[in-house]
Amino acid sequence: MNTPTEPGTPGACFADFLRGQGTYEETTERAVKRVIAFQLAQVMAEQHLSKVAMAKRLETSRSQLDRLLDPDKVNVTPATLSRAARMVWQL
């Protein structure tokens, strides 16, 4: 669905705009983390899991889980983010 368009014209791809600004990777990483954090919070609520119980399932610390659940904190290890994503997608 990525059809070439003239930059700055209606229909220009937003991803191309972000690449042009040099923020594509950072923006994409933040968006993915926000989605995983939101879905993980939903799983916790649906299964009535405490942060301690969820941290044990993810094989991480509660403080790392707090960072993972905070959509504005980006200092989460890729391994923890990956485990969280796998857990969400398995359920």
C-alpha atoms as a PDB file:
ATOM      1  CA  MET A   1       0.000   0.000   0.000  1.00  0.00           C
ATOM      2  CA  ASN A   2       3.058   2.251  -0.057  1.00  0.00           C
ATOM      3  CA  THR A   3       2.515   4.090  -3.301  1.00  0.00           C
ATOM      4  CA  PRO A   4       5.073   6.712  -4.225  1.00  0.00           C
ATOM      5  CA  THR A   5       3.793  10.262  -3.887  1.00  0.00           C
ATOM      6  CA  GLU A   6       5.368  13.661  -4.039  1.00  0.00           C
ATOM      7  CA  PRO A   7       6.732  14.607  -0.598  1.00  0.00           C
ATOM      8  CA  GLY A   8       4.540  17.138   1.140  1.00  0.00           C
ATOM      9  CA  THR A   9       1.468  16.363  -0.934  1.00  0.00           C
ATOM     10  CA  PRO A  10      -1.726  14.799   0.359  1.00  0.00           C
ATOM     11  CA  GLY A  11      -1.278  11.056   0.475  1.00  0.00           C
ATOM     12  CA  ALA A  12       2.441  11.146   1.262  1.00  0.00           C
ATOM     13  CA  CYS A  13       3.354   8.215   3.483  1.00  0.00           C
ATOM     14  CA  PHE A  14       3.695   9.158   7.156  1.00  0.00           C
ATOM     15  CA  ALA A  15       6.534   6.669   7.543  1.00  0.00           C
ATOM     16  CA  ASP A  16       8.418   8.483   4.781  1.00  0.00           C
ATOM     17  CA  PHE A  17       7.846  11.756   6.612  1.00  0.00           C
ATOM     18  CA  LEU A  18       9.271  10.281   9.820  1.00  0.00           C
ATOM     19  CA  ARG A  19      12.254   8.897   7.913  1.00  0.00           C
ATOM     20  CA  GLY A  20      12.838  12.332   6.453  1.00  0.00           C
ATOM     21  CA  GLN A  21      12.789  13.803   9.952  1.00  0.00           C
ATOM     22  CA  GLY A  22      15.173  11.107  11.173  1.00  0.00           C
ATOM     23  CA  THR A  23      12.706   9.889  13.804  1.00  0.00           C
ATOM     24  CA  TYR A  24      11.216   6.784  12.188  1.00  0.00           C
ATOM     25  CA  GLU A  25      13.028   4.191  14.314  1.00  0.00           C
ATOM     26  CA  GLU A  26      12.455   6.000  17.612  1.00  0.00           C
ATOM     27  CA  THR A  27       8.796   6.651  16.821  1.00  0.00           C
ATOM     28  CA  THR A  28       8.231   3.046  15.796  1.00  0.00           C
ATOM     29  CA  GLU A  29       9.926   1.710  18.939  1.00  0.00           C
ATOM     30  CA  ARG A  30       7.827   3.978  21.152  1.00  0.00           C
ATOM     31  CA  ALA A  31       4.613   2.962  19.389  1.00  0.00           C
ATOM     32  CA  VAL A  32       5.383  -0.749  19.738  1.00  0.00           C
ATOM     33  CA  LYS A  33       6.212  -0.325  23.429  1.00  0.00           C
ATOM     34  CA  ARG A  34       2.981   1.599  24.052  1.00  0.00           C
ATOM     35  CA  VAL A  35       0.913  -1.145  22.419  1.00  0.00           C
ATOM     36  CA  ILE A  36       2.656  -3.904  24.377  1.00  0.00           C
ATOM     37  CA  ALA A  37       2.292  -1.952  27.639  1.00  0.00           C
ATOM     38  CA  PHE A  38      -1.418  -1.411  26.987  1.00  0.00           C
ATOM     39  CA  GLN A  39      -2.018  -5.060  26.104  1.00  0.00           C
ATOM     40  CA  LEU A  40       0.005  -6.289  29.065  1.00  0.00           C
ATOM     41  CA  ALA A  41      -2.052  -4.114  31.419  1.00  0.00           C
ATOM     42  CA  GLN A  42      -5.208  -5.583  29.877  1.00  0.00           C
ATOM     43  CA  VAL A  43      -3.965  -9.138  30.461  1.00  0.00           C
ATOM     44  CA  MET A  44      -3.139  -8.277  34.066  1.00  0.00           C
ATOM     45  CA  ALA A  45      -6.620  -6.862  34.620  1.00  0.00           C
ATOM     46  CA  GLU A  46      -8.417  -9.744  32.890  1.00  0.00           C
ATOM     47  CA  GLN A  47      -6.488 -12.379  34.828  1.00  0.00           C
ATOM     48  CA  HIS A  48      -6.464 -10.406  38.093  1.00  0.00           C
ATOM     49  CA  LEU A  49      -2.663 -10.553  38.258  1.00  0.00           C
ATOM     50  CA  SER A  50      -0.629  -8.391  40.587  1.00  0.00           C
ATOM     51  CA  LYS A  51       2.550  -6.734  39.407  1.00  0.00           C
ATOM     52  CA  VAL A  52       4.552  -9.226  41.447  1.00  0.00           C
ATOM     53  CA  ALA A  53       2.798 -12.191  39.799  1.00  0.00           C
ATOM     54  CA  MET A  54       3.216 -10.724  36.314  1.00  0.00           C
ATOM     55  CA  ALA A  55       6.884  -9.979  36.942  1.00  0.00           C
ATOM     56  CA  LYS A  56       7.392 -13.621  37.921  1.00  0.00           C
ATOM     57  CA  ARG A  57       5.684 -14.783  34.726  1.00  0.00           C
ATOM     58  CA  LEU A  58       7.949 -12.515  32.697  1.00  0.00           C
ATOM     59  CA  GLU A  59      10.990 -13.640  34.681  1.00  0.00           C
ATOM     60  CA  THR A  60      11.904 -10.061  35.513  1.00  0.00           C
ATOM     61  CA  SER A  61      11.823  -7.680  38.448  1.00  0.00           C
ATOM     62  CA  ARG A  62       8.831  -5.660  39.535  1.00  0.00           C
ATOM     63  CA  SER A  63      10.734  -2.429  38.857  1.00  0.00           C
ATOM     64  CA  GLN A  64      11.431  -3.581  35.285  1.00  0.00           C
ATOM     65  CA  LEU A  65       7.721  -4.401  34.920  1.00  0.00           C
ATOM     66  CA  ASP A  66       6.870  -0.883  36.150  1.00  0.00           C
ATOM     67  CA  ARG A  67       9.118   0.543  33.425  1.00  0.00           C
ATOM     68  CA  LEU A  68       7.482  -1.747  30.892  1.00  0.00           C
ATOM     69  CA  LEU A  69       3.971  -0.687  31.899  1.00  0.00           C
ATOM     70  CA  ASP A  70       4.835   3.022  31.745  1.00  0.00           C
ATOM     71  CA  PRO A  71       4.347   3.986  28.078  1.00  0.00           C
ATOM     72  CA  ASP A  72       6.611   7.019  28.436  1.00  0.00           C
ATOM     73  CA  LYS A  73       9.629   5.135  29.780  1.00  0.00           C
ATOM     74  CA  VAL A  74      11.800   3.767  27.031  1.00  0.00           C
ATOM     75  CA  ASN A  75      14.555   2.210  29.146  1.00  0.00           C
ATOM     76  CA  VAL A  76      13.229  -1.345  28.980  1.00  0.00           C
ATOM     77  CA  THR A  77      15.525  -4.143  27.916  1.00  0.00           C
ATOM     78  CA  PRO A  78      14.744  -5.738  24.562  1.00  0.00           C
ATOM     79  CA  ALA A  79      14.630  -9.151  26.272  1.00  0.00           C
ATOM     80  CA  THR A  80      11.892  -8.023  28.673  1.00  0.00           C
ATOM     81  CA  LEU A  81       9.947  -6.361  25.868  1.00  0.00           C
ATOM     82  CA  SER A  82      10.207  -9.551  23.819  1.00  0.00           C
ATOM     83  CA  ARG A  83       8.998 -11.763  26.691  1.00  0.00           C
ATOM     84  CA  ALA A  84       6.073  -9.417  27.316  1.00  0.00           C
ATOM     85  CA  ALA A  85       5.102  -9.435  23.652  1.00  0.00           C
ATOM     86  CA  ARG A  86       5.252 -13.241  23.496  1.00  0.00           C
ATOM     87  CA  MET A  87       3.111 -13.508  26.617  1.00  0.00           C
ATOM     88  CA  VAL A  88       0.472 -11.125  25.252  1.00  0.00           C
ATOM     89  CA  TRP A  89       0.328 -12.892  21.888  1.00  0.00           C
ATOM     90  CA  GLN A  90       0.057 -16.349  23.468  1.00  0.00           C
ATOM     91  CA  LEU A  91      -3.092 -15.412  25.375  1.00  0.00           C
END
